Structures are given as C-alpha cells and as structure tokens.
N, C-alpha and C. Protein backbone atom coordinates (compact mmCIF):
# COMPACT_ATOMS: atom_id res chain seq x y z
N MET A 1 118.85 78.59 102.80
CA MET A 1 118.23 77.55 101.97
C MET A 1 119.12 76.31 101.97
N LEU A 2 118.54 75.15 102.20
CA LEU A 2 119.29 73.91 102.18
C LEU A 2 119.69 73.56 100.77
N GLY A 3 120.84 72.93 100.63
CA GLY A 3 121.28 72.51 99.31
C GLY A 3 121.96 71.16 99.36
N LEU A 4 121.67 70.36 100.40
CA LEU A 4 122.32 69.08 100.59
C LEU A 4 121.89 68.10 99.52
N LYS A 5 122.87 67.47 98.89
CA LYS A 5 122.56 66.51 97.84
C LYS A 5 123.74 65.60 97.65
N LYS A 6 123.57 64.34 97.72
CA LYS A 6 124.65 63.39 97.46
C LYS A 6 124.06 62.00 97.30
N PHE A 7 124.81 61.15 96.65
CA PHE A 7 124.43 59.76 96.55
C PHE A 7 124.96 59.01 97.75
N LYS A 8 124.17 58.06 98.23
CA LYS A 8 124.60 57.21 99.33
C LYS A 8 125.07 55.87 98.76
N GLY A 9 125.74 55.09 99.61
CA GLY A 9 126.30 53.83 99.15
C GLY A 9 125.26 52.86 98.62
N ASP A 10 124.01 52.96 99.11
CA ASP A 10 122.99 52.02 98.68
C ASP A 10 122.26 52.50 97.43
N GLY A 11 122.76 53.53 96.80
CA GLY A 11 122.11 54.05 95.61
C GLY A 11 121.04 55.07 95.91
N GLY A 12 120.88 55.44 97.19
CA GLY A 12 119.89 56.44 97.57
C GLY A 12 120.34 57.83 97.19
N PHE A 13 119.43 58.75 97.27
CA PHE A 13 119.70 60.14 96.90
C PHE A 13 119.09 61.03 97.96
N ILE A 14 119.91 61.90 98.56
CA ILE A 14 119.43 62.79 99.61
C ILE A 14 118.86 64.05 98.98
N CYS A 15 117.65 64.40 99.39
CA CYS A 15 116.94 65.55 98.84
C CYS A 15 116.37 66.34 100.01
N GLY A 16 117.20 67.22 100.58
CA GLY A 16 116.79 67.91 101.80
C GLY A 16 116.70 66.93 102.95
N ASP A 17 115.54 66.89 103.61
CA ASP A 17 115.33 65.98 104.73
C ASP A 17 114.79 64.62 104.29
N LEU A 18 114.65 64.41 103.00
CA LEU A 18 114.14 63.15 102.47
C LEU A 18 115.24 62.39 101.76
N THR A 19 115.13 61.08 101.76
CA THR A 19 116.06 60.23 101.01
C THR A 19 115.26 59.33 100.08
N ILE A 20 115.71 59.28 98.83
CA ILE A 20 115.07 58.44 97.82
C ILE A 20 115.95 57.21 97.63
N HIS A 21 115.37 56.03 97.83
CA HIS A 21 116.11 54.78 97.70
C HIS A 21 115.63 54.00 96.49
N LYS A 22 116.58 53.52 95.69
CA LYS A 22 116.25 52.54 94.67
C LYS A 22 115.91 51.22 95.36
N THR A 23 115.02 50.46 94.77
CA THR A 23 114.74 49.11 95.27
C THR A 23 114.76 48.14 94.09
N ALA A 24 114.74 46.88 94.42
CA ALA A 24 114.66 45.85 93.37
C ALA A 24 113.21 45.44 93.12
N ASN A 25 112.28 46.14 93.77
CA ASN A 25 110.87 45.75 93.70
C ASN A 25 110.22 46.20 92.39
N ILE A 26 109.46 45.31 91.81
CA ILE A 26 108.68 45.59 90.61
C ILE A 26 107.22 45.27 90.91
N LYS A 27 106.35 46.20 90.59
CA LYS A 27 104.91 46.00 90.78
C LYS A 27 104.25 45.87 89.41
N GLU A 28 103.59 44.75 89.19
CA GLU A 28 102.88 44.52 87.93
C GLU A 28 101.46 45.09 88.02
N ILE A 29 101.04 45.78 86.98
CA ILE A 29 99.69 46.33 86.91
C ILE A 29 98.95 45.61 85.79
N ASP A 30 97.99 44.78 86.16
CA ASP A 30 97.24 44.02 85.15
C ASP A 30 96.37 44.93 84.30
N LYS A 31 95.73 45.90 84.96
CA LYS A 31 94.90 46.85 84.24
C LYS A 31 94.89 48.17 85.01
N GLY A 32 95.28 49.21 84.34
CA GLY A 32 95.31 50.53 84.95
C GLY A 32 95.07 51.58 83.89
N GLN A 33 95.35 52.83 84.25
CA GLN A 33 95.10 53.93 83.33
C GLN A 33 96.36 54.76 83.19
N SER A 34 96.84 54.86 81.96
CA SER A 34 98.01 55.68 81.69
C SER A 34 97.69 57.14 81.95
N ILE A 35 98.71 57.98 81.93
CA ILE A 35 98.51 59.38 82.26
C ILE A 35 97.61 60.09 81.25
N ASN A 36 97.51 59.54 80.04
CA ASN A 36 96.62 60.12 79.03
C ASN A 36 95.29 59.39 78.94
N GLY A 37 94.99 58.57 79.98
CA GLY A 37 93.66 57.98 80.09
C GLY A 37 93.45 56.70 79.33
N VAL A 38 94.52 56.06 78.85
CA VAL A 38 94.40 54.80 78.11
C VAL A 38 94.40 53.63 79.10
N SER A 39 93.43 52.75 78.98
CA SER A 39 93.35 51.58 79.85
C SER A 39 94.27 50.48 79.31
N CYS A 40 95.27 50.09 80.10
CA CYS A 40 96.20 49.06 79.66
C CYS A 40 97.00 48.54 80.85
N SER A 41 97.85 47.56 80.61
CA SER A 41 98.70 47.00 81.65
C SER A 41 99.98 47.83 81.76
N GLY A 42 100.70 47.60 82.85
CA GLY A 42 101.94 48.34 83.05
C GLY A 42 102.82 47.69 84.09
N GLU A 43 103.97 48.29 84.31
CA GLU A 43 104.94 47.80 85.28
C GLU A 43 105.57 48.97 85.99
N GLN A 44 105.73 48.85 87.30
CA GLN A 44 106.32 49.93 88.10
C GLN A 44 107.61 49.48 88.75
N LYS A 45 108.66 50.28 88.56
CA LYS A 45 109.89 50.12 89.33
C LYS A 45 109.75 51.02 90.55
N ILE A 46 109.94 50.46 91.74
CA ILE A 46 109.61 51.16 92.98
C ILE A 46 110.82 51.89 93.55
N TYR A 47 110.58 53.14 93.93
CA TYR A 47 111.54 53.96 94.67
C TYR A 47 110.91 54.34 95.99
N GLU A 48 111.64 54.14 97.08
CA GLU A 48 111.14 54.49 98.41
C GLU A 48 111.60 55.90 98.78
N VAL A 49 110.67 56.71 99.28
CA VAL A 49 110.98 58.04 99.79
C VAL A 49 110.73 58.02 101.28
N ARG A 50 111.77 58.35 102.06
CA ARG A 50 111.67 58.27 103.51
C ARG A 50 112.19 59.55 104.16
N GLY A 51 111.55 59.92 105.27
CA GLY A 51 111.97 61.06 106.06
C GLY A 51 111.31 60.98 107.41
N ASP A 52 111.47 61.99 108.23
CA ASP A 52 110.87 61.99 109.57
C ASP A 52 109.35 62.04 109.45
N GLY A 53 108.69 60.91 109.73
CA GLY A 53 107.23 60.83 109.64
C GLY A 53 106.71 60.73 108.22
N ILE A 54 107.61 60.55 107.26
CA ILE A 54 107.22 60.50 105.84
C ILE A 54 107.56 59.12 105.28
N LYS A 55 106.59 58.51 104.63
CA LYS A 55 106.83 57.23 103.97
C LYS A 55 105.93 57.16 102.74
N LEU A 56 106.56 57.12 101.58
CA LEU A 56 105.80 56.90 100.35
C LEU A 56 106.67 56.16 99.35
N ASP A 57 106.02 55.36 98.53
CA ASP A 57 106.70 54.60 97.49
C ASP A 57 106.25 55.12 96.14
N LEU A 58 107.23 55.48 95.33
CA LEU A 58 106.95 56.00 93.99
C LEU A 58 107.15 54.90 92.97
N GLY A 59 106.32 54.89 91.94
CA GLY A 59 106.44 53.93 90.87
C GLY A 59 106.84 54.59 89.57
N TYR A 60 108.02 54.24 89.04
CA TYR A 60 108.38 54.63 87.67
C TYR A 60 107.59 53.68 86.78
N THR A 61 106.52 54.19 86.20
CA THR A 61 105.53 53.34 85.55
C THR A 61 105.70 53.36 84.03
N THR A 62 105.87 52.18 83.46
CA THR A 62 105.93 52.02 82.01
C THR A 62 104.69 51.27 81.56
N TRP A 63 103.89 51.91 80.72
CA TRP A 63 102.63 51.32 80.26
C TRP A 63 102.81 50.57 78.95
N ALA A 64 101.92 49.63 78.70
CA ALA A 64 102.01 48.80 77.50
C ALA A 64 101.91 49.62 76.22
N ASN A 65 101.28 50.80 76.29
CA ASN A 65 101.15 51.66 75.11
C ASN A 65 102.36 52.58 74.91
N GLY A 66 103.38 52.43 75.78
CA GLY A 66 104.60 53.21 75.64
C GLY A 66 104.67 54.45 76.50
N GLU A 67 103.55 54.85 77.12
CA GLU A 67 103.57 56.02 78.00
C GLU A 67 104.31 55.70 79.29
N LYS A 68 104.88 56.74 79.92
CA LYS A 68 105.61 56.58 81.16
C LYS A 68 105.25 57.72 82.11
N ASP A 69 105.25 57.42 83.40
CA ASP A 69 105.02 58.46 84.39
C ASP A 69 105.57 58.03 85.74
N ILE A 70 105.61 58.99 86.68
CA ILE A 70 105.90 58.73 88.08
C ILE A 70 104.63 59.00 88.87
N ARG A 71 104.28 58.05 89.74
CA ARG A 71 103.10 58.19 90.59
C ARG A 71 103.34 57.43 91.88
N THR A 72 102.52 57.68 92.88
CA THR A 72 102.62 56.88 94.10
C THR A 72 102.09 55.48 93.81
N ALA A 73 102.83 54.49 94.34
CA ALA A 73 102.47 53.10 94.08
C ALA A 73 101.59 52.51 95.16
N TYR A 74 101.71 53.01 96.38
CA TYR A 74 100.95 52.48 97.50
C TYR A 74 100.44 53.67 98.33
N SER A 75 99.84 53.38 99.48
CA SER A 75 99.33 54.44 100.34
C SER A 75 100.49 55.27 100.90
N VAL A 76 100.19 56.49 101.27
CA VAL A 76 101.19 57.46 101.72
C VAL A 76 101.06 57.68 103.22
N LYS A 77 102.20 57.74 103.90
CA LYS A 77 102.21 58.09 105.32
C LYS A 77 102.86 59.45 105.48
N GLY A 78 102.15 60.38 106.12
CA GLY A 78 102.71 61.71 106.32
C GLY A 78 101.61 62.73 106.54
N PRO A 79 101.94 64.02 106.47
CA PRO A 79 100.95 65.07 106.66
C PRO A 79 99.79 64.94 105.67
N VAL A 80 98.65 65.48 106.06
CA VAL A 80 97.45 65.32 105.25
C VAL A 80 97.65 65.84 103.83
N ALA A 81 98.44 66.88 103.66
CA ALA A 81 98.61 67.48 102.33
C ALA A 81 99.24 66.50 101.34
N ILE A 82 100.18 65.66 101.78
CA ILE A 82 100.83 64.77 100.80
C ILE A 82 99.99 63.55 100.49
N ARG A 83 98.92 63.32 101.25
CA ARG A 83 98.05 62.19 100.91
C ARG A 83 97.30 62.44 99.61
N ARG A 84 97.29 63.67 99.17
CA ARG A 84 96.73 64.01 97.86
C ARG A 84 97.43 63.21 96.76
N LEU A 85 98.70 62.84 97.00
CA LEU A 85 99.47 62.11 95.99
C LEU A 85 98.91 60.73 95.72
N GLU A 86 98.07 60.22 96.60
CA GLU A 86 97.42 58.93 96.36
C GLU A 86 96.37 59.03 95.26
N ARG A 87 95.97 60.26 94.94
CA ARG A 87 94.85 60.45 94.01
C ARG A 87 95.20 61.42 92.88
N GLY A 88 96.45 61.43 92.50
CA GLY A 88 96.77 62.28 91.36
C GLY A 88 98.11 62.96 91.47
N LEU A 89 98.27 64.06 90.72
CA LEU A 89 99.50 64.85 90.64
C LEU A 89 100.66 64.04 90.05
N ARG A 90 100.33 63.13 89.15
CA ARG A 90 101.37 62.32 88.51
C ARG A 90 102.29 63.18 87.65
N LEU A 91 103.49 62.71 87.45
CA LEU A 91 104.49 63.41 86.64
C LEU A 91 104.70 62.63 85.35
N GLN A 92 104.31 63.24 84.24
CA GLN A 92 104.46 62.57 82.94
C GLN A 92 105.91 62.63 82.48
N ILE A 93 106.40 61.48 82.01
CA ILE A 93 107.72 61.41 81.38
C ILE A 93 107.47 61.43 79.88
N SER A 94 107.82 62.52 79.25
CA SER A 94 107.45 62.71 77.85
C SER A 94 108.39 61.95 76.92
N PRO A 95 107.93 61.65 75.70
CA PRO A 95 108.70 60.83 74.76
C PRO A 95 110.08 61.41 74.50
N PRO A 96 111.02 60.56 74.10
CA PRO A 96 112.39 61.03 73.89
C PRO A 96 112.47 62.19 72.91
N ASP A 97 113.34 63.13 73.25
CA ASP A 97 113.70 64.21 72.36
C ASP A 97 114.64 63.63 71.30
N ASN A 98 114.85 64.37 70.23
CA ASN A 98 115.79 63.91 69.22
C ASN A 98 117.17 63.67 69.84
N ALA A 99 117.85 62.64 69.37
CA ALA A 99 119.19 62.33 69.89
C ALA A 99 120.11 63.52 69.69
N ARG A 100 120.88 63.81 70.74
CA ARG A 100 121.83 64.92 70.66
C ARG A 100 123.18 64.39 71.15
N ASN A 101 124.19 64.47 70.31
CA ASN A 101 125.51 63.94 70.65
C ASN A 101 125.42 62.46 71.06
N GLY A 102 124.57 61.73 70.37
CA GLY A 102 124.43 60.31 70.66
C GLY A 102 123.55 59.99 71.85
N GLN A 103 122.97 61.01 72.49
CA GLN A 103 122.12 60.80 73.66
C GLN A 103 120.66 60.81 73.25
N VAL A 104 119.89 59.89 73.83
CA VAL A 104 118.44 59.88 73.66
C VAL A 104 117.85 60.40 74.96
N LEU A 105 117.14 61.51 74.89
CA LEU A 105 116.73 62.23 76.09
C LEU A 105 115.22 62.24 76.28
N ASP A 106 114.77 61.82 77.47
CA ASP A 106 113.39 62.05 77.91
C ASP A 106 113.32 63.44 78.53
N TYR A 107 112.09 63.90 78.77
CA TYR A 107 111.97 65.17 79.51
C TYR A 107 110.71 65.18 80.35
N VAL A 108 110.72 66.03 81.36
CA VAL A 108 109.54 66.26 82.20
C VAL A 108 109.28 67.76 82.26
N ILE A 109 108.01 68.10 82.45
CA ILE A 109 107.62 69.49 82.67
C ILE A 109 107.52 69.70 84.18
N LEU A 110 108.17 70.74 84.67
CA LEU A 110 108.32 70.95 86.11
C LEU A 110 107.18 71.77 86.71
N LYS A 111 105.95 71.26 86.56
CA LYS A 111 104.82 71.88 87.24
C LYS A 111 104.94 71.60 88.74
N GLN A 112 104.41 72.52 89.54
CA GLN A 112 104.57 72.44 91.00
C GLN A 112 103.23 72.25 91.71
N ALA A 113 103.22 71.31 92.66
CA ALA A 113 102.02 71.12 93.49
C ALA A 113 101.95 72.24 94.52
N ARG A 114 100.76 72.83 94.64
CA ARG A 114 100.55 73.91 95.62
C ARG A 114 99.26 73.66 96.40
N VAL A 115 99.32 73.97 97.67
CA VAL A 115 98.23 73.67 98.59
C VAL A 115 97.20 74.79 98.60
N LYS A 116 95.93 74.40 98.53
CA LYS A 116 94.84 75.36 98.72
C LYS A 116 94.55 75.41 100.22
N ILE A 117 95.19 76.36 100.87
CA ILE A 117 95.20 76.43 102.33
C ILE A 117 93.79 76.49 102.91
N GLU A 118 92.87 77.10 102.19
CA GLU A 118 91.52 77.31 102.73
C GLU A 118 90.69 76.03 102.75
N THR A 119 91.13 74.97 102.07
CA THR A 119 90.36 73.73 102.05
C THR A 119 90.66 72.91 103.30
N PHE A 120 89.65 72.21 103.82
CA PHE A 120 89.81 71.50 105.09
C PHE A 120 90.81 70.35 104.98
N ASN A 121 90.93 69.75 103.81
CA ASN A 121 91.86 68.63 103.64
C ASN A 121 93.14 69.04 102.92
N LYS A 122 93.38 70.37 102.83
CA LYS A 122 94.59 70.91 102.21
C LYS A 122 94.79 70.33 100.81
N TRP A 123 93.72 70.38 100.02
CA TRP A 123 93.75 69.91 98.64
C TRP A 123 94.77 70.72 97.86
N SER A 124 95.29 70.14 96.78
CA SER A 124 96.33 70.82 96.02
C SER A 124 96.10 70.68 94.53
N THR A 125 96.83 71.50 93.80
CA THR A 125 96.72 71.51 92.35
C THR A 125 98.10 71.76 91.76
N LEU A 126 98.26 71.49 90.46
CA LEU A 126 99.53 71.73 89.80
C LEU A 126 99.54 73.09 89.14
N CYS A 127 100.65 73.81 89.29
CA CYS A 127 100.76 75.17 88.77
C CYS A 127 102.08 75.35 88.02
N LYS A 128 102.08 76.29 87.08
CA LYS A 128 103.33 76.68 86.44
C LYS A 128 104.23 77.33 87.49
N ALA A 129 105.53 77.03 87.45
CA ALA A 129 106.45 77.58 88.44
C ALA A 129 107.74 78.03 87.77
N ASN A 130 108.29 79.15 88.26
CA ASN A 130 109.63 79.54 87.83
C ASN A 130 110.66 78.98 88.80
N ARG A 131 111.92 79.24 88.56
CA ARG A 131 112.97 78.65 89.40
C ARG A 131 112.84 79.10 90.84
N GLU A 132 112.58 80.37 91.06
CA GLU A 132 112.46 80.89 92.42
C GLU A 132 111.32 80.20 93.17
N GLU A 133 110.21 79.96 92.49
CA GLU A 133 109.08 79.28 93.13
C GLU A 133 109.40 77.82 93.43
N LEU A 134 110.13 77.16 92.53
CA LEU A 134 110.56 75.79 92.81
C LEU A 134 111.47 75.75 94.04
N ASP A 135 112.33 76.75 94.16
CA ASP A 135 113.22 76.83 95.33
C ASP A 135 112.42 77.05 96.61
N ARG A 136 111.49 77.98 96.57
CA ARG A 136 110.70 78.28 97.79
C ARG A 136 109.84 77.10 98.19
N GLY A 137 109.23 76.45 97.21
CA GLY A 137 108.35 75.34 97.53
C GLY A 137 109.09 74.13 98.10
N SER A 138 110.28 73.87 97.59
CA SER A 138 111.04 72.70 98.05
C SER A 138 111.95 73.01 99.22
N GLY A 139 112.28 74.30 99.40
CA GLY A 139 113.24 74.68 100.42
C GLY A 139 114.67 74.34 100.04
N LEU A 140 114.91 74.12 98.76
CA LEU A 140 116.21 73.69 98.25
C LEU A 140 116.59 74.51 97.03
N ASP A 141 117.85 74.42 96.65
CA ASP A 141 118.28 74.97 95.36
C ASP A 141 117.88 73.94 94.31
N SER A 142 116.71 74.11 93.76
CA SER A 142 116.08 73.06 92.95
C SER A 142 116.92 72.69 91.73
N PHE A 143 117.45 73.67 91.01
CA PHE A 143 118.20 73.35 89.80
C PHE A 143 119.48 72.58 90.13
N LYS A 144 120.14 72.94 91.23
CA LYS A 144 121.36 72.21 91.60
C LYS A 144 121.03 70.77 91.97
N ILE A 145 119.93 70.57 92.67
CA ILE A 145 119.51 69.20 93.01
C ILE A 145 119.21 68.42 91.73
N LEU A 146 118.46 69.03 90.82
CA LEU A 146 118.09 68.34 89.58
C LEU A 146 119.32 68.04 88.73
N GLU A 147 120.25 68.97 88.69
CA GLU A 147 121.48 68.74 87.93
C GLU A 147 122.29 67.60 88.54
N SER A 148 122.35 67.56 89.87
CA SER A 148 123.11 66.49 90.52
C SER A 148 122.45 65.13 90.33
N ALA A 149 121.14 65.13 90.06
CA ALA A 149 120.41 63.88 89.80
C ALA A 149 120.48 63.46 88.34
N GLY A 150 121.01 64.34 87.48
CA GLY A 150 121.19 63.94 86.08
C GLY A 150 120.52 64.81 85.04
N ALA A 151 119.98 65.96 85.43
CA ALA A 151 119.40 66.86 84.42
C ALA A 151 120.51 67.36 83.50
N LEU A 152 120.32 67.19 82.21
CA LEU A 152 121.31 67.65 81.24
C LEU A 152 120.99 69.04 80.70
N TYR A 153 119.70 69.35 80.63
CA TYR A 153 119.26 70.67 80.17
C TYR A 153 118.07 71.09 81.00
N LEU A 154 118.09 72.33 81.49
CA LEU A 154 116.98 72.91 82.24
C LEU A 154 116.64 74.25 81.61
N GLY A 155 115.36 74.46 81.36
CA GLY A 155 114.94 75.72 80.77
C GLY A 155 113.47 75.67 80.41
N THR A 156 112.99 76.72 79.79
CA THR A 156 111.59 76.75 79.38
C THR A 156 111.40 75.93 78.10
N LYS A 157 110.15 75.61 77.80
CA LYS A 157 109.85 74.89 76.56
C LYS A 157 110.32 75.69 75.35
N GLU A 158 110.23 77.00 75.45
CA GLU A 158 110.69 77.84 74.35
C GLU A 158 112.20 77.71 74.18
N GLU A 159 112.94 77.72 75.30
CA GLU A 159 114.39 77.63 75.23
C GLU A 159 114.87 76.26 74.78
N LEU A 160 114.21 75.21 75.23
CA LEU A 160 114.68 73.86 74.94
C LEU A 160 114.12 73.27 73.65
N PHE A 161 112.91 73.70 73.27
CA PHE A 161 112.25 73.09 72.11
C PHE A 161 111.85 74.09 71.04
N GLY A 162 112.02 75.38 71.32
CA GLY A 162 111.56 76.38 70.38
C GLY A 162 110.06 76.52 70.34
N ALA A 163 109.38 76.15 71.43
CA ALA A 163 107.91 76.20 71.48
C ALA A 163 107.43 77.64 71.35
N THR A 164 106.28 77.79 70.69
CA THR A 164 105.69 79.12 70.53
C THR A 164 104.25 79.16 71.04
N ASP A 165 103.79 78.05 71.64
CA ASP A 165 102.41 77.99 72.11
C ASP A 165 102.28 78.65 73.49
N ARG A 166 101.08 78.58 74.07
CA ARG A 166 100.84 79.27 75.34
C ARG A 166 101.59 78.64 76.51
N ASN A 167 102.11 77.41 76.31
CA ASN A 167 102.87 76.75 77.37
C ASN A 167 104.38 76.93 77.21
N ARG A 168 104.79 77.86 76.37
CA ARG A 168 106.21 77.99 76.06
C ARG A 168 107.06 78.42 77.26
N SER A 169 106.44 79.03 78.28
CA SER A 169 107.21 79.49 79.43
C SER A 169 107.29 78.46 80.56
N PHE A 170 106.72 77.27 80.37
CA PHE A 170 106.81 76.22 81.38
C PHE A 170 108.24 75.69 81.45
N LEU A 171 108.75 75.49 82.66
CA LEU A 171 110.08 74.94 82.84
C LEU A 171 110.08 73.44 82.56
N CYS A 172 111.16 72.95 81.96
CA CYS A 172 111.33 71.53 81.64
C CYS A 172 112.73 71.09 82.03
N ALA A 173 112.90 69.78 82.12
CA ALA A 173 114.21 69.18 82.34
C ALA A 173 114.39 68.01 81.39
N LYS A 174 115.53 67.97 80.71
CA LYS A 174 115.88 66.84 79.85
C LYS A 174 116.91 65.97 80.55
N PHE A 175 116.79 64.66 80.37
CA PHE A 175 117.69 63.73 81.03
C PHE A 175 117.79 62.46 80.20
N GLU A 176 118.82 61.65 80.46
CA GLU A 176 119.01 60.42 79.71
C GLU A 176 117.87 59.44 79.98
N MET A 177 117.39 58.81 78.95
CA MET A 177 116.26 57.90 79.05
C MET A 177 116.53 56.77 80.05
N GLU A 178 117.79 56.34 80.17
CA GLU A 178 118.14 55.23 81.06
C GLU A 178 118.15 55.66 82.53
N ASN A 179 118.14 56.94 82.80
CA ASN A 179 118.21 57.46 84.17
C ASN A 179 116.81 57.47 84.79
N LYS A 180 116.46 56.36 85.42
CA LYS A 180 115.11 56.24 85.98
C LYS A 180 114.99 56.87 87.36
N LEU A 181 116.12 57.21 87.99
CA LEU A 181 116.07 57.90 89.27
C LEU A 181 115.66 59.36 89.10
N PHE A 182 116.08 59.98 88.00
CA PHE A 182 115.84 61.42 87.85
C PHE A 182 114.38 61.81 87.97
N PRO A 183 113.44 61.13 87.29
CA PRO A 183 112.04 61.54 87.44
C PRO A 183 111.54 61.44 88.88
N ALA A 184 112.06 60.47 89.65
CA ALA A 184 111.66 60.36 91.05
C ALA A 184 112.14 61.57 91.84
N VAL A 185 113.36 62.04 91.56
CA VAL A 185 113.87 63.25 92.21
C VAL A 185 113.03 64.46 91.80
N ALA A 186 112.71 64.56 90.51
CA ALA A 186 111.88 65.67 90.04
C ALA A 186 110.50 65.64 90.71
N PHE A 187 109.95 64.45 90.92
CA PHE A 187 108.66 64.32 91.60
C PHE A 187 108.75 64.83 93.04
N VAL A 188 109.83 64.50 93.72
CA VAL A 188 110.00 64.96 95.10
C VAL A 188 110.14 66.48 95.15
N ILE A 189 110.92 67.05 94.22
CA ILE A 189 111.13 68.50 94.19
C ILE A 189 109.84 69.24 93.86
N THR A 190 109.05 68.73 92.92
CA THR A 190 107.89 69.47 92.43
C THR A 190 106.57 69.09 93.09
N ARG A 191 106.51 67.94 93.73
CA ARG A 191 105.28 67.48 94.36
C ARG A 191 105.42 67.30 95.87
N VAL A 192 106.30 66.39 96.27
CA VAL A 192 106.35 65.97 97.67
C VAL A 192 106.75 67.12 98.60
N LEU A 193 107.88 67.75 98.33
CA LEU A 193 108.36 68.80 99.24
C LEU A 193 107.44 70.02 99.31
N PRO A 194 106.91 70.52 98.19
CA PRO A 194 105.97 71.65 98.31
C PRO A 194 104.73 71.31 99.14
N LEU A 195 104.27 70.06 99.07
CA LEU A 195 103.11 69.67 99.86
C LEU A 195 103.47 69.55 101.34
N ILE A 196 104.63 68.97 101.63
CA ILE A 196 105.08 68.91 103.02
C ILE A 196 105.22 70.32 103.60
N ASN A 197 105.77 71.22 102.79
CA ASN A 197 105.98 72.61 103.24
C ASN A 197 104.73 73.47 103.14
N GLU A 198 103.63 72.87 102.63
CA GLU A 198 102.36 73.57 102.46
C GLU A 198 102.54 74.88 101.67
N TYR A 199 103.28 74.76 100.56
CA TYR A 199 103.49 75.92 99.69
C TYR A 199 102.15 76.30 99.08
N PRO A 200 101.72 77.55 99.29
CA PRO A 200 100.33 77.88 98.95
C PRO A 200 100.08 78.22 97.49
N ALA A 201 98.90 77.84 97.02
CA ALA A 201 98.43 78.30 95.72
C ALA A 201 97.99 79.75 95.86
N ARG A 202 98.16 80.51 94.82
CA ARG A 202 97.80 81.93 94.88
C ARG A 202 96.30 82.08 94.74
C-alpha cells in the first residue's frame, strides 16, 4: 500500500499519484445552491488536483448563508467514473465544534464514493466506510494521509461527539477552521481516488 505524503515547495500536497496545489484563484458565484439546497451567492478558493491523465479543480466554497463545502469548480478530465464529480458527491464542511484548548474546529464526515460497476457510465454513490475501506478505496494509508494534512481528531461520530443516533458509526475528521487545504485532501481520499480505482459499491 502506498503511503507517500509530503508538502512541496509550492504549497502542494502529494496524495499517492495525485498532487493537490493551492492557487490564488477565486471564483465568484453570483447564484448557486448550497449543500443544503439554499439558493445564494458564494465564493470558491480553487485547488488544482493533477495526475497522469487527471485534471480537476476543487472549490472550497463558502456560501453567503454560512455553509461550506468542497466541490468540483469546473469540468473534470479523467476516467469516466470521476466525471460523476461534476454532478455531485460534494463534501460538506460542518459548523465548528466547540473550542478545545483554544482551537475552533470544523469537521467532515468521511463518506466514500463507490462505483456501481454494472452501470454503463460507472455511476457512483456515497457510502459509509470504515478505515480499512478508506484504505482500499484510496490505495493509501488514509488516516496517516489525513493526519499529515492536519486532521486533529479521527474517529466515529460516537467517539468524537457522543452521538447516539443511527449515524453514530460514521467516521469523521476534525481540523482547524483556518486549514482550508484539509477538506480538499479529504475529498481526494474519499471521492477522487476511489473513483479512479473504481472501488465497487456492494
């Protein structure tokens, strides 16, 4: 299993065979739809994801209503399975957790994109995943990659929040609110790489 991870001089982040680059590009959205379906304006900070035959730009999107998410900002170049990212599979950045040791922490739920192999266009859906499944889908040691990108806490909703609902076993990651690279890395681990690898839905 690959475990290569390091920062490059230009602020990029190596994630297996892909590299995530910070850019100075900002995309203004006059009218769009937040992850919870609210119509409003927003702004995207662009991160470039590049690899052999792979080209996609991710937008760290901040909406006027305060919601945040990671989504593809433009068209995607690559295998048919990852073109699904043009039409969904966004990663919600949930509101800050209570400050801990002076830190204000956002979090994401680590649902995994999986390919429905039997469909002609290799359509995909988001599924609950454990650590082993995240590793198999990405081909990487997922937790080590996420920790190197800035994850401060990794665990289930029950472990991190004391959740008792039916989603208590979903994996989550907490990170500093100012760390805008981390959600892009989480998106690559949970969406981009499993689709490139055609990790199958059960």
